[in-house]
Protein backbone atom coordinates (compact mmCIF):
# COMPACT_ATOMS: atom_id res chain seq x y z
CA MET A 1 72.85 -40.13 77.23
CA LYS A 2 69.89 -42.31 76.59
CA VAL A 3 66.72 -40.36 75.33
CA GLU A 4 63.13 -41.76 75.47
CA ASP A 5 59.50 -40.72 76.16
CA CYS A 6 56.37 -42.47 77.07
CA ASN A 7 56.32 -44.34 73.79
CA GLY A 8 59.99 -45.71 74.12
CA PRO A 9 63.11 -44.50 72.46
CA MET A 10 62.90 -41.06 70.74
CA ASP A 11 63.22 -41.48 67.04
CA LEU A 12 65.85 -38.82 66.07
CA ARG A 13 66.71 -40.26 62.64
CA ASP A 14 65.55 -37.27 60.67
CA PRO A 15 68.48 -36.00 58.61
CA SER A 16 67.48 -32.39 59.27
CA LEU A 17 68.23 -32.89 63.06
CA VAL A 18 71.56 -31.42 64.25
CA LEU A 19 72.97 -32.01 67.74
CA GLU A 20 75.30 -29.69 69.51
CA ALA A 21 76.83 -29.71 73.14
CA ASN A 22 77.83 -26.88 75.55
CA ILE A 23 80.04 -27.20 78.60
CA TRP A 24 80.47 -24.45 81.04
CA PHE A 25 80.94 -23.43 84.70
CA LYS A 26 79.72 -20.43 86.73
CA THR A 27 81.48 -17.74 88.70
CA LYS A 28 81.10 -13.94 89.50
CA LEU A 29 83.10 -10.75 88.76
CA LYS A 30 85.17 -9.46 91.68
CA ASP A 31 85.21 -5.86 90.76
CA THR A 32 83.36 -3.51 88.47
CA ILE A 33 84.78 -3.14 85.06
CA THR A 34 84.42 -0.59 82.27
CA THR A 35 84.29 -0.89 78.56
CA THR A 36 88.07 -0.28 78.33
CA ASP A 37 89.16 -2.89 80.89
CA THR A 38 90.77 -5.95 79.40
CA TYR A 39 91.45 -8.09 82.58
CA PHE A 40 89.63 -8.89 85.76
CA ARG A 41 89.42 -11.20 88.81
CA PHE A 42 86.69 -13.74 89.80
CA ILE A 43 85.25 -13.30 93.21
CA ASP A 44 87.04 -15.30 95.85
CA ASN A 45 88.99 -16.68 92.84
CA ILE A 46 86.07 -19.16 92.33
CA GLY A 47 86.70 -20.94 89.02
CA PHE A 48 90.12 -19.45 88.41
CA GLU A 49 91.69 -22.85 88.64
CA GLN A 50 89.19 -24.06 85.93
CA VAL A 51 89.66 -21.36 83.27
CA LEU A 52 91.75 -21.88 80.19
CA GLY A 53 92.97 -19.69 77.36
CA GLY A 54 90.43 -19.91 74.55
CA ASP A 55 87.47 -20.23 76.88
CA ILE A 56 84.51 -17.99 76.04
CA ILE A 57 83.16 -15.83 78.80
CA VAL A 58 79.55 -14.83 78.71
CA MET A 59 78.41 -12.05 80.93
CA ASN A 60 74.97 -13.56 81.87
CA ARG A 61 72.07 -11.24 81.57
CA PRO A 62 68.83 -11.67 79.40
CA ARG A 63 69.40 -8.79 77.06
CA MET A 64 72.60 -8.01 75.06
CA PRO A 65 75.14 -10.38 77.02
CA GLU A 66 78.59 -9.56 76.14
CA HIS A 67 80.99 -12.46 75.13
CA MET A 68 84.71 -12.30 75.85
CA LEU A 69 87.62 -14.48 74.60
CA VAL A 70 90.10 -15.49 77.30
CA THR A 71 93.59 -14.65 75.79
CA ALA A 72 95.86 -15.00 78.89
CA ILE A 73 95.97 -15.78 82.48
CA ASP A 74 98.12 -14.28 85.32
CA GLU A 75 98.70 -17.11 87.72
CA ASP A 76 100.47 -14.86 90.38
CA ASN A 77 97.78 -12.36 90.60
CA HIS A 78 94.79 -14.43 89.59
CA LEU A 79 93.96 -12.20 86.63
CA VAL A 80 92.08 -13.18 83.50
CA GLN A 81 92.93 -11.32 80.32
CA VAL A 82 90.24 -11.13 77.58
CA SER A 83 89.40 -9.83 74.20
CA ARG A 84 86.21 -7.78 74.53
CA GLY A 85 83.03 -7.88 72.29
CA TYR A 86 83.72 -11.48 71.15
CA ASN A 87 81.16 -13.06 68.60
CA GLY A 88 80.01 -9.74 67.56
CA THR A 89 78.51 -8.78 70.85
CA SER A 90 78.45 -5.29 72.29
CA VAL A 91 81.05 -4.09 74.97
CA ALA A 92 79.48 -2.91 78.16
CA ASN A 93 80.24 -1.81 81.72
CA TRP A 94 79.66 -4.64 84.24
CA LYS A 95 79.17 -4.32 88.03
CA LYS A 96 80.83 -6.21 90.84
CA GLY A 97 79.07 -9.57 91.47
CA GLN A 98 77.80 -10.01 87.87
CA GLU A 99 77.35 -13.63 87.08
CA ILE A 100 79.81 -15.10 84.62
CA LEU A 101 79.48 -18.29 82.48
CA VAL A 102 82.84 -19.67 81.23
CA PHE A 103 82.31 -21.95 78.31
CA ARG A 104 84.96 -24.61 77.59
CA GLU A 105 82.82 -25.72 74.57
CA MET A 106 80.17 -23.62 72.94
CA ASN A 107 77.69 -25.11 70.36
CA VAL A 108 80.20 -27.89 69.23
CA PRO A 109 79.01 -30.84 67.28
CA ALA A 110 77.75 -34.01 69.02
CA THR A 111 76.37 -37.23 67.58
CA ILE A 112 72.91 -39.00 67.63
CA GLU A 113 73.27 -42.73 67.79
CA SER A 114 70.28 -44.98 66.96
CA VAL A 115 70.37 -48.62 67.86
CA LEU A 116 68.33 -50.98 65.73
CA ASP A 117 67.42 -54.61 66.34
CA ASP A 118 64.98 -57.30 65.33
CA ILE A 119 62.11 -57.80 67.66
CA VAL A 120 60.37 -61.15 68.07
CA GLN A 121 56.59 -60.85 68.49
CA MET A 122 54.46 -63.17 70.74
CA ASP A 123 53.18 -64.95 67.61
CA GLY A 124 56.70 -65.64 66.61
CA SER A 125 56.85 -63.06 63.78
CA VAL A 126 59.81 -60.83 63.55
CA LEU A 127 59.93 -57.11 63.22
CA GLN A 128 63.14 -56.18 61.54
CA ASN A 129 65.36 -53.24 62.10
CA GLN A 130 63.31 -51.67 64.82
CA LEU A 131 64.57 -48.71 66.91
CA VAL A 132 65.23 -50.00 70.38
CA GLU A 133 67.64 -47.25 71.81
CA THR A 134 68.58 -43.76 70.96
CA TYR A 135 71.66 -42.01 72.45
CA LEU A 136 73.08 -38.45 72.61
CA VAL A 137 76.86 -38.73 72.49
CA PHE A 138 79.58 -36.19 73.02
CA ASP A 139 83.28 -37.19 72.56
CA PHE A 140 85.26 -35.42 75.17
CA SER A 141 88.55 -33.99 74.14
CA GLU A 142 91.62 -33.60 76.30
CA ILE A 143 90.90 -29.89 76.59
CA CYS A 144 87.53 -30.73 78.22
CA THR A 145 88.87 -32.85 81.03
CA CYS A 146 92.29 -31.38 81.72
CA LEU A 147 91.32 -29.19 84.68
CA ALA A 148 89.46 -30.43 87.72
CA GLY A 149 86.25 -29.02 88.90
CA CYS A 150 82.47 -29.06 88.37
CA PHE A 151 81.05 -28.30 84.93
CA LEU A 152 77.59 -28.29 83.37
CA LEU A 153 76.90 -30.20 80.26
CA GLU A 154 73.98 -29.52 77.85
CA PHE A 155 72.84 -31.11 74.64
CA LYS A 156 71.04 -28.84 72.06
CA LEU A 157 68.88 -30.57 69.38
CA LEU A 158 68.09 -28.38 66.34
CA LYS A 159 65.56 -28.98 63.73
CA MET A 160 66.88 -27.24 60.61
CA ALA A 161 64.39 -25.35 58.37
CA LEU A 162 64.30 -25.43 54.60
CA PRO A 163 65.27 -22.10 53.17
CA VAL A 164 62.45 -19.87 52.05
CA VAL A 165 62.73 -17.07 49.67
CA THR A 166 60.01 -14.39 49.50
CA LEU A 167 59.60 -12.50 46.24
CA LEU A 168 58.50 -8.86 45.95
CA SER A 169 57.95 -9.44 42.27
CA ASP A 170 58.83 -12.20 39.77
CA ASN A 171 62.44 -11.34 39.82
CA ASP A 172 63.27 -9.32 42.95
CA PRO A 173 63.97 -11.18 46.19
CA LEU A 174 63.05 -9.51 49.59
CA VAL A 175 66.16 -7.94 51.02
CA SER A 176 66.43 -7.72 54.69
CA ILE A 177 68.31 -4.60 55.87
CA THR A 178 69.82 -4.62 59.30
CA PRO A 179 70.41 -1.21 61.04
CA SER A 180 73.92 -0.28 61.67
CA PHE A 181 73.33 0.95 65.27
CA ILE A 182 72.59 -0.69 68.56
CA PRO A 183 69.62 0.84 70.44
CA SER A 184 70.41 2.10 73.99
CA TRP A 185 66.93 1.94 75.46
CA THR A 186 65.74 -0.79 77.72
CA THR A 187 62.03 -0.89 76.73
CA ILE A 188 61.99 -1.56 72.97
CA PRO A 189 59.36 0.50 71.04
CA SER A 190 56.88 -1.44 68.87
CA SER A 191 58.14 0.39 65.80
CA ILE A 192 61.39 -1.65 65.99
CA PRO A 193 61.10 -4.73 63.74
CA LEU A 194 60.81 -8.11 65.64
CA ASP A 195 63.72 -9.67 63.58
CA PHE A 196 65.95 -6.80 64.64
CA GLN A 197 65.00 -7.23 68.34
CA ILE A 198 65.77 -10.94 68.22
CA SER A 199 69.13 -10.58 66.53
CA THR A 200 70.17 -7.63 68.82
CA TYR A 201 69.29 -9.25 71.99
CA HIS A 202 70.63 -12.78 71.09
CA CYS A 203 67.33 -14.50 71.97
CA GLY A 204 66.63 -16.21 68.65
CA LYS A 205 66.98 -19.81 67.60
CA GLY A 206 69.66 -19.03 64.99
CA ALA A 207 69.61 -18.71 61.17
CA GLY A 208 67.83 -21.62 59.42
CA VAL A 209 66.65 -23.32 62.67
CA GLU A 210 62.91 -24.34 63.04
CA TRP A 211 63.04 -25.32 66.58
CA VAL A 212 65.39 -26.11 69.49
CA ARG A 213 65.09 -28.61 72.27
CA ARG A 214 67.53 -28.88 75.13
CA PHE A 215 68.54 -31.83 77.30
CA PRO A 216 68.14 -31.94 80.23
CA SER A 217 64.80 -30.07 80.07
CA ASP A 218 64.27 -29.72 83.82
CA ARG A 219 67.56 -27.99 84.82
CA GLU A 220 70.49 -26.08 83.43
CA GLY A 221 72.63 -28.98 82.58
CA PHE A 222 74.06 -32.22 83.63
CA VAL A 223 76.48 -31.72 86.47
CA MET A 224 79.75 -33.44 85.79
CA ARG A 225 82.67 -33.40 88.23
CA ILE A 226 86.23 -33.83 86.83
CA MET A 227 88.57 -35.22 89.48
CA ASP A 228 92.20 -34.25 89.71
CA SER A 229 94.65 -37.14 89.60
CA PRO A 230 98.15 -37.25 91.03
CA THR A 231 99.24 -39.56 88.29
CA ALA A 232 97.91 -37.44 85.28
CA GLU A 233 101.45 -36.34 84.18
CA LEU A 234 103.04 -39.84 84.62
């Protein structure tokens, strides 16, 4: 993907910039599940032919989404078996029709490629090693393209912040204590520390990240369609 703004190619050569990619598709839950259920169906089996073992399922809601790891697939009964509470998330009850995001790749490394060239000015002078193009590149593995269907692709550009240590005194660093419980209320009292709210509800930028920019910026992701091939196994 080529990236540029009104001034031309975006200069992303800052070594503190990190690029990641996400690939996922959407479906919905066929039936209500409780905290003890470890398998379920997709509504109308939409997306069943796209899911693989090792995919990460995200129950999509703004606060406290649950992650699940796909551990097995029942081809005869169209069931998906999962390990609940993956990535340290909280296990919850989920209603029929709940939107599901199935991630084939989640926050995996991608590459920033900068193309430099010499530019000849109108007066004949030459500007050497000028940035002429910038690309965001993701190398697709076989696992990304082995099943046909429509997927969404997103690039996530992260600006890593320098670590900052706050001292209470000359020798004692400030220690952040995270509560060992998960609050059950929906409206968060102002007495709960902001950092705890951000980490609990999974809405932060991530540790050590100064800012995040996503591509594309005007929609969820780039739509890519993987076609099945009758000669794939030949």
